[in-house]
Amino acid sequence: MSIVTNPTTTSNVTQGSTNKPAGTATTTTGAQATGANGQATETAKSSASLGKTFDDFLTLLTVQLKNQDPLSPMDSAQFTSQLVGFAGVEQSIAQNDKLAKMLAYNQSQELLNASGYIGKTVEAETDKIVLKDDEAAKFSVTMDGKAQNTIIAIRNSSGQTVRTLNMTLDAGNHQMQWDGKTNEGQDAPSGVYSLAVTATDERGDTVNAKTFGISKVTDVKQDPDNGTLLSMSGATVTLGKVVRIVQGTVTTTAAPPPAGGGNT
């Protein structure tokens, strides 16, 4: 069993800045409300287009009224219906503009709230783990049932398996750490690795498993497609994937030593 303590990190939130003084973690907003700004731009374009279309409609309507047949006047109900339709479109565009502004505000607030994660160790659902020169890669695996045969493949960025862990795991969550040793007993380079779990019970039936990374949050940012993202020392997860904020220490079980031989 090994005990991992959380170092203390001073954090600050900067607007549109990525300068990082020594010992300080920062959040970069950049285009933090890119999605909302894009919607606002589209709303402005729609408003301008509606204004031009409405002017054209009034011009055409005036010409029609001037040149209508006195013996067969145009139906005023149609004019009223068209005017009401234009008014409804204008109200919808105005409503979209307000919603875009609300979305931009909510994104800013979410980013600000997420900045509280900086410097804290969190556990988040992901297949990514982070190996550092001075720190083992920590992760956890949650089993739906007892797995008599569990194979955890740790793969590098190229998809090659650098370490294979074979063990028996009971149902529940199991917190572990990888010391960075490859199957040949060599030290793997620091970086982000991925986990792939294959588990079967004593009858050979598949046991479902989920993997979680455990690492310190070093940065938060707003993504127009995925919302607020947390960088866990290089492995990126969405805010909604965080399942636990570690207070104090994390107790993990060391992975079995390399058995030797080639990669699998």
Protein backbone atom coordinates (compact mmCIF):
# COMPACT_ATOMS: atom_id res chain seq x y z
CA MET A 1 0.00 0.00 0.00
CA SER A 2 1.30 3.47 -0.74
CA ILE A 3 0.17 6.83 0.52
CA VAL A 4 -0.02 9.77 -1.86
CA THR A 5 -0.24 13.24 -0.42
CA ASN A 6 -1.53 16.29 -2.23
CA PRO A 7 0.97 19.13 -2.68
CA THR A 8 -0.36 22.63 -2.12
CA THR A 9 -0.62 24.79 -5.21
CA THR A 10 -1.44 28.47 -5.36
CA SER A 11 -3.93 29.21 -8.12
CA ASN A 12 -5.34 32.25 -9.81
CA VAL A 13 -7.78 32.86 -12.62
CA THR A 14 -6.79 35.14 -15.45
CA GLN A 15 -8.95 36.50 -18.22
CA GLY A 16 -7.34 35.86 -21.59
CA SER A 17 -3.83 35.41 -20.15
CA THR A 18 -1.61 32.34 -20.11
CA ASN A 19 1.37 33.75 -18.22
CA LYS A 20 2.24 31.45 -15.33
CA PRO A 21 4.54 32.74 -12.57
CA ALA A 22 6.62 30.10 -10.84
CA GLY A 23 4.56 27.96 -8.48
CA THR A 24 1.29 29.34 -9.80
CA ALA A 25 -1.40 27.53 -11.77
CA THR A 26 -3.67 29.57 -13.99
CA THR A 27 -6.87 29.08 -15.91
CA THR A 28 -7.00 30.38 -19.45
CA THR A 29 -10.34 31.55 -20.70
CA GLY A 30 -9.39 32.64 -24.22
CA ALA A 31 -12.65 32.40 -26.12
CA GLN A 32 -14.45 31.07 -23.07
CA ALA A 33 -17.85 32.01 -24.44
CA THR A 34 -17.09 31.13 -28.03
CA GLY A 35 -20.35 29.24 -28.47
CA ALA A 36 -22.42 32.04 -26.97
CA ASN A 37 -20.55 34.71 -28.93
CA GLY A 38 -21.20 32.77 -32.11
CA GLN A 39 -24.90 32.65 -31.29
CA ALA A 40 -24.90 36.39 -30.59
CA THR A 41 -23.28 37.02 -33.96
CA GLU A 42 -25.85 34.88 -35.71
CA THR A 43 -28.62 36.73 -33.85
CA ALA A 44 -27.25 40.08 -34.99
CA LYS A 45 -27.09 38.84 -38.57
CA SER A 46 -30.66 37.56 -38.35
CA SER A 47 -31.87 40.89 -36.97
CA ALA A 48 -30.19 42.80 -39.79
CA SER A 49 -31.62 40.40 -42.35
CA LEU A 50 -35.09 40.70 -40.83
CA GLY A 51 -34.90 44.50 -40.89
CA LYS A 52 -33.98 44.54 -44.58
CA THR A 53 -36.67 41.98 -45.39
CA PHE A 54 -39.29 43.92 -43.43
CA ASP A 55 -38.39 47.16 -45.27
CA ASP A 56 -38.72 45.34 -48.59
CA PHE A 57 -42.06 43.95 -47.48
CA LEU A 58 -43.38 47.40 -46.55
CA THR A 59 -42.18 48.83 -49.88
CA LEU A 60 -43.90 46.06 -51.79
CA LEU A 61 -47.04 46.45 -49.67
CA THR A 62 -47.16 50.19 -50.35
CA VAL A 63 -46.78 49.64 -54.09
CA GLN A 64 -49.53 47.03 -54.01
CA LEU A 65 -51.87 49.38 -52.16
CA LYS A 66 -51.19 52.19 -54.62
CA ASN A 67 -51.86 50.01 -57.64
CA GLN A 68 -54.68 47.82 -56.40
CA ASP A 69 -57.94 47.57 -58.34
CA PRO A 70 -60.53 49.78 -56.62
CA LEU A 71 -63.27 47.40 -57.74
CA SER A 72 -61.42 44.41 -56.23
CA PRO A 73 -59.43 45.65 -53.21
CA MET A 74 -56.82 43.40 -51.63
CA ASP A 75 -57.80 41.46 -48.54
CA SER A 76 -56.68 43.40 -45.45
CA ALA A 77 -56.72 40.21 -43.39
CA GLN A 78 -53.74 38.95 -45.38
CA PHE A 79 -51.78 42.12 -44.61
CA THR A 80 -52.56 41.74 -40.92
CA SER A 81 -51.53 38.07 -40.93
CA GLN A 82 -48.22 38.86 -42.63
CA LEU A 83 -47.49 41.72 -40.22
CA VAL A 84 -48.21 39.46 -37.25
CA GLY A 85 -45.86 36.84 -38.74
CA PHE A 86 -43.06 39.36 -39.07
CA ALA A 87 -43.61 40.52 -35.49
CA GLY A 88 -43.41 36.92 -34.24
CA VAL A 89 -40.09 36.35 -36.03
CA GLU A 90 -38.70 39.58 -34.60
CA GLN A 91 -39.67 38.52 -31.07
CA SER A 92 -38.01 35.11 -31.56
CA ILE A 93 -34.75 36.72 -32.66
CA ALA A 94 -34.82 39.07 -29.66
CA GLN A 95 -35.42 36.08 -27.37
CA ASN A 96 -32.47 34.20 -28.91
CA ASP A 97 -30.27 37.22 -28.25
CA LYS A 98 -31.22 37.20 -24.57
CA LEU A 99 -30.65 33.43 -24.32
CA ALA A 100 -27.19 33.81 -25.91
CA LYS A 101 -26.27 36.43 -23.31
CA MET A 102 -27.52 34.18 -20.50
CA LEU A 103 -25.49 31.26 -21.87
CA ALA A 104 -22.33 33.38 -21.99
CA TYR A 105 -22.89 34.42 -18.38
CA ASN A 106 -23.51 30.85 -17.23
CA GLN A 107 -20.35 29.65 -18.98
CA SER A 108 -18.32 32.36 -17.27
CA GLN A 109 -19.77 31.42 -13.89
CA GLU A 110 -19.12 27.71 -14.47
CA LEU A 111 -15.52 28.44 -15.43
CA LEU A 112 -15.05 30.57 -12.34
CA ASN A 113 -16.51 27.85 -10.13
CA ALA A 114 -14.34 25.21 -11.79
CA SER A 115 -11.22 27.22 -10.94
CA GLY A 116 -11.69 25.98 -7.39
CA TYR A 117 -10.52 22.56 -8.58
CA ILE A 118 -7.04 23.85 -9.43
CA GLY A 119 -4.42 22.37 -7.13
CA LYS A 120 -6.76 19.67 -5.86
CA THR A 121 -6.52 15.98 -6.61
CA VAL A 122 -9.69 14.60 -8.19
CA GLU A 123 -10.95 11.25 -9.36
CA ALA A 124 -12.70 11.39 -12.73
CA GLU A 125 -14.11 8.80 -15.11
CA THR A 126 -11.60 8.49 -17.95
CA ASP A 127 -9.30 5.95 -19.55
CA LYS A 128 -6.34 8.36 -19.26
CA ILE A 129 -3.67 8.27 -16.56
CA VAL A 130 -0.63 10.49 -16.06
CA LEU A 131 2.88 9.22 -15.31
CA LYS A 132 5.44 11.68 -13.91
CA ASP A 133 9.15 11.36 -13.21
CA ASP A 134 8.64 11.76 -9.49
CA GLU A 135 5.17 10.31 -9.10
CA ALA A 136 3.42 7.06 -10.00
CA ALA A 137 0.31 7.07 -12.18
CA LYS A 138 -2.76 6.67 -9.98
CA PHE A 139 -6.10 5.29 -11.11
CA SER A 140 -9.04 3.22 -10.01
CA VAL A 141 -11.16 0.48 -11.54
CA THR A 142 -14.79 -0.17 -10.60
CA MET A 143 -16.05 -3.70 -11.22
CA ASP A 144 -19.73 -4.57 -11.59
CA GLY A 145 -19.01 -8.01 -10.15
CA LYS A 146 -16.16 -10.24 -9.08
CA ALA A 147 -13.69 -10.79 -11.92
CA GLN A 148 -11.59 -13.91 -11.59
CA ASN A 149 -9.42 -12.86 -14.50
CA THR A 150 -8.78 -9.14 -14.93
CA ILE A 151 -6.31 -7.84 -17.50
CA ILE A 152 -5.46 -4.13 -17.43
CA ALA A 153 -3.45 -3.00 -20.44
CA ILE A 154 -1.56 0.28 -20.08
CA ARG A 155 -0.89 1.78 -23.49
CA ASN A 156 1.21 4.68 -24.72
CA SER A 157 0.10 7.45 -27.11
CA SER A 158 0.83 5.17 -30.07
CA GLY A 159 -1.55 2.50 -28.78
CA GLN A 160 1.24 0.07 -27.84
CA THR A 161 0.83 -1.87 -24.60
CA VAL A 162 3.77 -1.07 -22.35
CA ARG A 163 2.50 -2.83 -19.22
CA THR A 164 -0.03 -5.58 -18.61
CA LEU A 165 -1.52 -6.15 -15.15
CA ASN A 166 -3.13 -9.50 -14.33
CA MET A 167 -5.18 -9.83 -11.16
CA THR A 168 -8.40 -10.96 -9.51
CA LEU A 169 -10.72 -8.14 -8.46
CA ASP A 170 -13.87 -8.22 -6.35
CA ALA A 171 -16.91 -6.09 -7.13
CA GLY A 172 -16.50 -2.42 -6.24
CA ASN A 173 -13.87 0.27 -6.62
CA HIS A 174 -10.16 -0.55 -6.48
CA GLN A 175 -7.59 2.26 -6.28
CA MET A 176 -4.20 1.44 -7.74
CA GLN A 177 -0.98 2.97 -8.92
CA TRP A 178 1.47 2.15 -11.70
CA ASP A 179 5.14 2.73 -10.93
CA GLY A 180 6.01 3.33 -14.58
CA LYS A 181 7.77 0.02 -15.14
CA THR A 182 7.20 -1.65 -18.51
CA ASN A 183 6.68 -5.37 -19.00
CA GLU A 184 10.45 -5.65 -19.48
CA GLY A 185 11.16 -3.85 -16.22
CA GLN A 186 12.31 -0.63 -17.90
CA ASP A 187 11.17 2.88 -16.91
CA ALA A 188 8.48 4.25 -19.21
CA PRO A 189 8.75 7.94 -20.13
CA SER A 190 6.55 10.51 -18.41
CA GLY A 191 3.32 11.34 -20.18
CA VAL A 192 -0.33 10.45 -20.65
CA TYR A 193 -1.22 6.77 -21.00
CA SER A 194 -4.52 4.97 -21.54
CA LEU A 195 -6.17 2.02 -19.80
CA ALA A 196 -8.00 -0.91 -21.38
CA VAL A 197 -9.67 -3.44 -19.06
CA THR A 198 -10.79 -6.95 -19.98
CA ALA A 199 -12.47 -8.90 -17.17
CA THR A 200 -14.26 -12.24 -16.89
CA ASP A 201 -15.76 -14.16 -13.99
CA GLU A 202 -15.07 -17.78 -13.05
CA ARG A 203 -17.53 -18.95 -15.71
CA GLY A 204 -15.84 -16.92 -18.41
CA ASP A 205 -18.62 -14.33 -18.65
CA THR A 206 -17.65 -10.69 -19.18
CA VAL A 207 -17.61 -8.41 -16.15
CA ASN A 208 -18.16 -4.73 -16.90
CA ALA A 209 -15.53 -2.32 -15.61
CA LYS A 210 -15.05 1.45 -15.52
CA THR A 211 -11.72 3.24 -15.21
CA PHE A 212 -10.98 6.48 -13.37
CA GLY A 213 -7.92 8.67 -13.37
CA ILE A 214 -6.64 10.18 -10.12
CA SER A 215 -4.52 13.28 -10.53
CA LYS A 216 -4.13 16.93 -9.60
CA VAL A 217 -6.01 19.55 -11.61
CA THR A 218 -3.58 22.00 -13.17
CA ASP A 219 -5.82 23.99 -15.51
CA VAL A 220 -9.46 24.66 -16.41
CA LYS A 221 -10.85 26.05 -19.64
CA GLN A 222 -14.08 26.54 -21.56
CA ASP A 223 -14.64 24.54 -24.74
CA PRO A 224 -17.42 25.59 -27.14
CA ASP A 225 -18.40 21.97 -27.82
CA ASN A 226 -17.73 20.18 -24.52
CA GLY A 227 -18.25 22.88 -21.92
CA THR A 228 -15.87 23.22 -18.98
CA LEU A 229 -12.77 21.02 -19.21
CA LEU A 230 -10.33 20.11 -16.44
CA SER A 231 -6.71 19.30 -17.20
CA MET A 232 -5.51 16.59 -14.81
CA SER A 233 -1.78 17.10 -15.26
CA GLY A 234 -2.27 16.75 -19.01
CA ALA A 235 -5.24 14.34 -19.22
CA THR A 236 -8.37 16.33 -20.10
CA VAL A 237 -11.83 15.46 -18.75
CA THR A 238 -15.17 17.24 -18.70
CA LEU A 239 -16.37 18.70 -15.42
CA GLY A 240 -19.26 16.25 -15.30
CA LYS A 241 -16.88 13.27 -15.18
CA VAL A 242 -15.47 14.20 -11.75
CA VAL A 243 -16.75 11.75 -9.14
CA ARG A 244 -14.60 12.68 -6.13
CA ILE A 245 -12.47 15.50 -4.80
CA VAL A 246 -9.67 14.11 -2.67
CA GLN A 247 -9.22 15.70 0.72
CA GLY A 248 -5.92 14.79 2.33
CA THR A 249 -4.42 11.54 1.07
CA VAL A 250 -5.22 8.81 -1.43
CA THR A 251 -4.47 5.22 -0.49
CA THR A 252 -3.65 3.09 -3.51
CA THR A 253 -2.50 -0.47 -4.06
CA ALA A 254 0.70 -0.93 -6.04
CA ALA A 255 0.31 -2.84 -9.29
CA PRO A 256 1.84 -6.32 -9.49
CA PRO A 257 5.51 -6.32 -10.51
CA PRO A 258 6.38 -6.95 -14.18
CA ALA A 259 6.40 -10.60 -15.07
CA GLY A 260 9.01 -10.06 -17.78
CA GLY A 261 8.83 -10.97 -21.42
CA GLY A 262 7.52 -8.99 -24.40
CA ASN A 263 4.51 -6.70 -24.57
CA THR A 264 1.10 -8.20 -25.15
